[in-house]
Structures are given as structure tokens and as C-alpha cells.
Amino acid sequence: MNSTNRPIKKIALIRARWHSNIVDKCIDSFVNEWRVLGHSQDQLEVIDVPGAFEIPLLAQTLSRTGKYEAIMGCAFVVNGGIYRHEFVSSAVIDGMMRVQLDCGVPILSTVLTPHNFQETPELIQFFSDHFVMKGREAAHACSSILHVRAAEPVAKLVSA
């Protein structure tokens, strides 16, 4: 339940499996913070995709079911040396925004693209810690936007 005493539908947490050791820190942090905020872990559904590029299409598919009140995409897009990682991250974020606007379901992003990443212990730890922070922030953002959408007069517009 939320502050309007209206049950919250499911929240989908879509996570890319590339760099799962780092990405999972965000998901775990989101889940923990969601509970701290007084919500139930049962409201959360974690769904895996191979990489970041697959997030927008799955977000669109899930949003059209009417089962999810919000969706978060989580990925760590790094320069693999073959193509520009900025292209991938831009396409993913643009796709997620389009889904949000087209389907009317909040789509939160913890898709992060570092300027420079090397698989050194120091950078792995730095980005792992950063994803923990982003998970907490995303849980607060999700709770907040659901509260806003449930409040009058926005709730009338959302259900119309």
C-alpha cells in the first residue's frame, strides 16, 4: 500500500546481465530501500535481459500488459572497443523515454555509462558503490512518482 491506501501494482526491475556483478548491486539496493520506504518486496519483479539494448522493448511489452505501475531499467554500458558505447546508451535511454511517453507508465533509468571503465579492482568497487547509491535513489524516485500519480487530481488523469 502507499500513502493513498491504494494497492500498488507490480514494479518491474529489468536488469541487463552484462557486468551483472555491478548491475546487481543496484537491484539489491533498490529492493532493500523499497522495504525501508514501507513497501512490500512482493510488489517487485526482477526480469533479466541479455544487455541494455533489450531493455526498451521489454519495458514496452510489460507496460502494455497493464500489470506494472512502474518499470526500471538497469544496465552498465561500457566501451567494449568495437562500437561507441554512447550510441548504445543513447538508444536505450531514448527508447525508454519513448515507451514512457507512448504508454503512460513511468520508466525509471539506472542505465549508466561511465566515461572510462577498466576492469580493475578499484573501478569495479567504485562503480559497484555507485550502483548501490543509484538503487536507493531509484527506489525513492519510484515511490515518489507513484505517490504523485495516485494523488488527486493526477489520479483522475492517469486512470482516464
Protein backbone atom coordinates (compact mmCIF):
# COMPACT_ATOMS: atom_id res chain seq x y z
CA MET A 1 0.00 0.00 0.00
CA ASN A 2 1.06 3.57 -0.42
CA SER A 3 0.10 6.77 1.35
CA THR A 4 -3.21 6.92 -0.51
CA ASN A 5 -4.11 3.42 0.77
CA ARG A 6 -4.31 2.23 -2.81
CA PRO A 7 -2.54 -1.04 -3.57
CA ILE A 8 0.49 -0.69 -5.80
CA LYS A 9 0.63 -2.93 -8.82
CA LYS A 10 3.87 -4.68 -9.66
CA ILE A 11 7.07 -2.76 -10.30
CA ALA A 12 9.27 -4.38 -12.96
CA LEU A 13 13.02 -4.18 -12.48
CA ILE A 14 14.64 -5.05 -15.80
CA ARG A 15 18.32 -5.81 -15.44
CA ALA A 16 20.92 -6.37 -18.12
CA ARG A 17 23.26 -9.28 -17.47
CA TRP A 18 26.43 -7.69 -18.87
CA HIS A 19 28.53 -6.75 -15.83
CA SER A 20 25.98 -8.45 -13.59
CA ASN A 21 28.31 -8.22 -10.60
CA ILE A 22 27.91 -4.43 -10.76
CA VAL A 23 24.32 -4.18 -12.03
CA ASP A 24 23.02 -6.49 -9.30
CA LYS A 25 24.22 -4.00 -6.67
CA CYS A 26 21.63 -1.53 -7.95
CA ILE A 27 18.80 -4.05 -7.95
CA ASP A 28 19.64 -5.28 -4.44
CA SER A 29 19.86 -1.70 -3.19
CA PHE A 30 16.51 -0.81 -4.81
CA VAL A 31 14.83 -3.82 -3.17
CA ASN A 32 16.29 -3.01 0.26
CA GLU A 33 15.35 0.66 0.05
CA TRP A 34 11.85 -0.20 -1.22
CA ARG A 35 11.29 -2.13 2.00
CA VAL A 36 12.75 0.71 4.10
CA LEU A 37 10.20 3.02 2.47
CA GLY A 38 7.43 0.78 3.78
CA HIS A 39 6.60 -1.06 0.59
CA SER A 40 6.49 -4.81 0.06
CA GLN A 41 9.15 -6.77 -1.77
CA ASP A 42 6.27 -8.78 -3.26
CA GLN A 43 5.48 -5.74 -5.42
CA LEU A 44 8.81 -6.11 -7.21
CA GLU A 45 9.53 -8.42 -10.12
CA VAL A 46 13.10 -8.74 -11.40
CA ILE A 47 13.38 -9.66 -15.08
CA ASP A 48 16.66 -10.38 -16.82
CA VAL A 49 17.65 -9.39 -20.35
CA PRO A 50 20.96 -10.09 -22.09
CA GLY A 51 22.06 -6.46 -22.43
CA ALA A 52 20.96 -2.85 -22.26
CA PHE A 53 19.70 -2.78 -25.84
CA GLU A 54 16.89 -5.18 -24.93
CA ILE A 55 15.51 -3.03 -22.11
CA PRO A 56 13.25 -0.62 -24.09
CA LEU A 57 11.39 -3.34 -25.99
CA LEU A 58 10.75 -5.38 -22.86
CA ALA A 59 9.70 -2.22 -21.00
CA GLN A 60 7.21 -1.51 -23.79
CA THR A 61 5.89 -5.08 -23.74
CA LEU A 62 5.47 -5.03 -19.97
CA SER A 63 3.89 -1.57 -19.87
CA ARG A 64 1.22 -2.66 -22.36
CA THR A 65 0.09 -5.52 -20.10
CA GLY A 66 -1.36 -3.12 -17.52
CA LYS A 67 0.21 -5.26 -14.80
CA TYR A 68 3.03 -2.85 -13.96
CA GLU A 69 2.69 0.55 -12.34
CA ALA A 70 6.31 1.46 -12.99
CA ILE A 71 9.33 -0.09 -14.68
CA MET A 72 13.02 0.44 -14.03
CA GLY A 73 15.77 -0.45 -16.47
CA CYS A 74 19.23 -1.14 -15.09
CA ALA A 75 22.42 -1.63 -17.07
CA PHE A 76 26.10 -0.75 -17.15
CA VAL A 77 27.09 0.24 -20.68
CA VAL A 78 30.84 0.38 -21.19
CA ASN A 79 33.13 0.93 -24.14
CA GLY A 80 33.85 -2.53 -25.48
CA GLY A 81 36.24 -1.24 -28.11
CA ILE A 82 34.11 -2.33 -31.07
CA TYR A 83 31.49 0.42 -31.16
CA ARG A 84 30.81 3.64 -29.36
CA HIS A 85 29.07 2.94 -26.07
CA GLU A 86 27.50 6.39 -26.20
CA PHE A 87 25.42 5.17 -29.17
CA VAL A 88 24.11 2.23 -27.17
CA SER A 89 23.31 4.23 -24.05
CA SER A 90 21.64 6.99 -26.06
CA ALA A 91 19.50 4.49 -27.96
CA VAL A 92 18.48 2.77 -24.72
CA ILE A 93 17.60 6.00 -22.90
CA ASP A 94 15.74 7.39 -25.93
CA GLY A 95 13.84 4.11 -26.23
CA MET A 96 12.90 4.10 -22.56
CA MET A 97 11.67 7.69 -22.77
CA ARG A 98 9.59 6.86 -25.84
CA VAL A 99 7.99 3.91 -24.03
CA GLN A 100 7.19 6.11 -21.05
CA LEU A 101 5.57 8.79 -23.20
CA ASP A 102 3.75 6.36 -25.51
CA CYS A 103 2.45 4.00 -22.82
CA GLY A 104 1.95 6.33 -19.86
CA VAL A 105 3.86 4.12 -17.43
CA PRO A 106 6.78 5.68 -15.53
CA ILE A 107 10.07 4.23 -16.77
CA LEU A 108 12.98 4.86 -14.42
CA SER A 109 16.56 4.57 -15.56
CA THR A 110 19.62 3.31 -13.80
CA VAL A 111 21.32 2.72 -17.13
CA LEU A 112 24.75 4.18 -16.53
CA THR A 113 27.56 4.83 -18.98
CA PRO A 114 30.92 5.71 -17.48
CA HIS A 115 33.27 7.91 -19.42
CA ASN A 116 36.04 5.42 -18.91
CA PHE A 117 35.90 1.96 -17.36
CA GLN A 118 38.61 -0.60 -16.99
CA GLU A 119 38.08 -3.85 -15.11
CA THR A 120 40.42 -3.00 -12.28
CA PRO A 121 39.51 -3.77 -8.67
CA GLU A 122 39.40 -0.07 -7.85
CA LEU A 123 36.98 0.85 -10.67
CA ILE A 124 34.82 -2.23 -10.12
CA GLN A 125 34.47 -1.20 -6.46
CA PHE A 126 33.82 2.44 -7.36
CA PHE A 127 31.02 1.60 -9.81
CA SER A 128 29.60 -1.10 -7.53
CA ASP A 129 29.28 1.51 -4.78
CA HIS A 130 27.80 3.98 -7.27
CA PHE A 131 25.16 1.45 -8.32
CA VAL A 132 24.21 0.91 -4.66
CA MET A 133 23.56 4.65 -4.39
CA LYS A 134 21.61 4.68 -7.68
CA GLY A 135 19.43 1.81 -6.48
CA ARG A 136 18.47 3.74 -3.36
CA GLU A 137 17.80 6.89 -5.37
CA ALA A 138 15.67 4.96 -7.87
CA ALA A 139 13.56 3.42 -5.10
CA HIS A 140 12.86 6.90 -3.74
CA ALA A 141 12.07 8.23 -7.22
CA CYS A 142 9.74 5.31 -7.93
CA SER A 143 7.90 5.70 -4.63
CA SER A 144 7.62 9.44 -5.20
CA ILE A 145 6.26 9.27 -8.75
CA LEU A 146 3.73 6.62 -7.75
CA HIS A 147 2.60 8.85 -4.89
CA VAL A 148 2.24 11.83 -7.26
CA ARG A 149 0.31 9.76 -9.79
CA ALA A 150 -2.03 8.42 -7.08
CA ALA A 151 -2.84 11.85 -5.64
CA GLU A 152 -5.74 13.99 -6.74
CA PRO A 153 -6.11 15.44 -9.36
CA VAL A 154 -3.38 13.49 -11.17
CA ALA A 155 -5.02 10.13 -10.38
CA LYS A 156 -8.07 11.15 -12.41
CA LEU A 157 -5.86 11.92 -15.41
CA VAL A 158 -3.86 8.68 -15.07
CA SER A 159 -6.98 6.50 -14.90
CA ALA A 160 -8.74 8.31 -17.77
